[in-house]
Amino acid sequence: MSLSSFIPIFEALGNETRLRVFEYIYRSGSAGARPKELIDKFGFDSGTLDFHLKKLIAVRLIAQKIGCRRGIYCAGENIPLELIFLFNSVLSGDNLPDLLPRLLSGKEMQHFH
């Protein structure tokens, strides 16, 4: 994957509000985050949240869980591996989701140890 392919993702994360929303959703792991939870956490209205969620969905950083009546957002399953390593190193700390096993087979995991 070329560096220029990451430009839309970095543009989306270049907005502080979106970055904070993405970090919260990313840290929520497979449980995901509900819009009400995000509104309560960050204190913005539903229109503002919807705008930022759409931008994050457009670059495939987050996805809405299928089968839920009310939206639950979680980290996208197609986040490039290079970015998962970056996010995990920058957002190091408790409660980070372990997305690597979901994305890599055992053989590929050995390559990164």
Protein backbone atom coordinates (compact mmCIF):
# COMPACT_ATOMS: atom_id res chain seq x y z
CA MET A 1 0.00 0.00 0.00
CA SER A 2 1.49 3.36 -0.99
CA LEU A 3 1.77 6.27 1.40
CA SER A 4 -0.54 8.36 -0.77
CA SER A 5 -3.34 5.83 -0.22
CA PHE A 6 -3.44 6.96 3.43
CA ILE A 7 -4.10 10.63 2.58
CA PRO A 8 -7.92 10.42 2.91
CA ILE A 9 -7.57 8.70 6.29
CA PHE A 10 -5.15 11.30 7.60
CA GLU A 11 -7.38 14.07 6.26
CA ALA A 12 -10.31 12.60 8.17
CA LEU A 13 -8.24 12.30 11.35
CA GLY A 14 -6.85 15.82 10.87
CA ASN A 15 -10.01 17.17 12.48
CA GLU A 16 -9.67 17.12 16.28
CA THR A 17 -13.32 16.23 16.87
CA ARG A 18 -13.17 13.28 14.47
CA LEU A 19 -9.88 12.16 15.97
CA ARG A 20 -11.41 12.13 19.46
CA VAL A 21 -14.52 10.28 18.24
CA PHE A 22 -12.39 7.74 16.36
CA GLU A 23 -10.14 7.18 19.38
CA TYR A 24 -13.16 6.57 21.61
CA ILE A 25 -14.73 4.14 19.13
CA TYR A 26 -11.39 2.40 18.51
CA ARG A 27 -10.86 1.93 22.24
CA SER A 28 -14.39 0.56 22.63
CA GLY A 29 -13.29 -2.58 20.76
CA SER A 30 -15.89 -5.08 19.60
CA ALA A 31 -18.48 -3.70 22.02
CA GLY A 32 -18.58 -0.53 19.99
CA ALA A 33 -20.06 2.82 20.95
CA ARG A 34 -23.61 4.13 20.65
CA PRO A 35 -24.29 7.64 19.35
CA LYS A 36 -25.91 8.64 22.67
CA GLU A 37 -22.75 7.57 24.47
CA LEU A 38 -20.64 9.73 22.13
CA ILE A 39 -22.97 12.72 22.51
CA ASP A 40 -22.84 12.43 26.30
CA LYS A 41 -19.05 12.00 26.27
CA PHE A 42 -18.23 14.90 23.96
CA GLY A 43 -21.21 17.19 24.42
CA PHE A 44 -22.07 17.91 20.82
CA ASP A 45 -25.44 17.61 19.09
CA SER A 46 -26.59 14.66 17.00
CA GLY A 47 -26.14 16.54 13.71
CA THR A 48 -22.51 17.27 14.46
CA LEU A 49 -21.91 13.68 15.51
CA ASP A 50 -23.59 12.34 12.38
CA PHE A 51 -21.40 14.56 10.19
CA HIS A 52 -18.22 13.24 11.79
CA LEU A 53 -19.35 9.61 11.83
CA LYS A 54 -20.09 9.79 8.10
CA LYS A 55 -16.57 11.09 7.41
CA LEU A 56 -15.02 8.25 9.42
CA ILE A 57 -17.23 5.68 7.68
CA ALA A 58 -16.31 7.09 4.27
CA VAL A 59 -12.62 6.32 4.86
CA ARG A 60 -13.54 2.95 6.42
CA LEU A 61 -12.05 3.66 9.84
CA ILE A 62 -15.34 2.80 11.52
CA ALA A 63 -18.40 0.79 10.61
CA GLN A 64 -21.90 0.47 11.94
CA LYS A 65 -22.60 -2.92 13.46
CA ILE A 66 -25.10 -4.90 11.44
CA GLY A 67 -28.20 -6.24 13.15
CA CYS A 68 -28.57 -3.48 15.72
CA ARG A 69 -31.75 -1.39 15.78
CA ARG A 70 -29.88 1.54 17.19
CA GLY A 71 -26.52 2.31 15.69
CA ILE A 72 -23.45 0.92 17.32
CA TYR A 73 -20.17 1.98 15.79
CA CYS A 74 -16.93 0.04 16.00
CA ALA A 75 -13.51 0.10 14.37
CA GLY A 76 -13.69 -0.92 10.75
CA GLU A 77 -12.51 -4.39 9.82
CA ASN A 78 -10.63 -3.06 6.81
CA ILE A 79 -8.29 -0.69 8.58
CA PRO A 80 -4.89 -1.15 6.91
CA LEU A 81 -2.49 -3.16 9.03
CA GLU A 82 0.08 -0.36 9.00
CA LEU A 83 -2.46 1.96 10.59
CA ILE A 84 -3.44 -0.58 13.24
CA PHE A 85 0.22 -0.73 14.31
CA LEU A 86 0.33 3.08 14.32
CA PHE A 87 -2.92 3.43 16.29
CA ASN A 88 -1.85 0.81 18.82
CA SER A 89 1.50 2.50 19.39
CA VAL A 90 0.08 6.03 19.61
CA LEU A 91 -2.97 5.07 21.65
CA SER A 92 -1.06 2.69 23.88
CA GLY A 93 -2.70 2.00 27.17
CA ASP A 94 -5.54 0.02 28.62
CA ASN A 95 -8.55 -1.22 26.72
CA LEU A 96 -7.10 -1.21 23.22
CA PRO A 97 -8.80 -3.76 21.03
CA ASP A 98 -6.62 -6.53 19.74
CA LEU A 99 -7.50 -6.25 16.06
CA LEU A 100 -4.43 -8.10 14.82
CA PRO A 101 -5.64 -11.67 15.42
CA ARG A 102 -8.82 -10.84 13.56
CA LEU A 103 -6.83 -9.60 10.57
CA LEU A 104 -3.88 -11.94 10.44
CA SER A 105 -3.48 -15.66 10.27
CA GLY A 106 -1.11 -17.35 12.71
CA LYS A 107 1.60 -17.55 10.07
CA GLU A 108 1.45 -13.83 9.35
CA MET A 109 1.42 -13.04 13.08
CA GLN A 110 4.75 -14.89 13.47
CA HIS A 111 6.24 -12.55 10.87
CA PHE A 112 5.54 -9.54 13.11
CA HIS A 113 6.92 -10.96 16.38
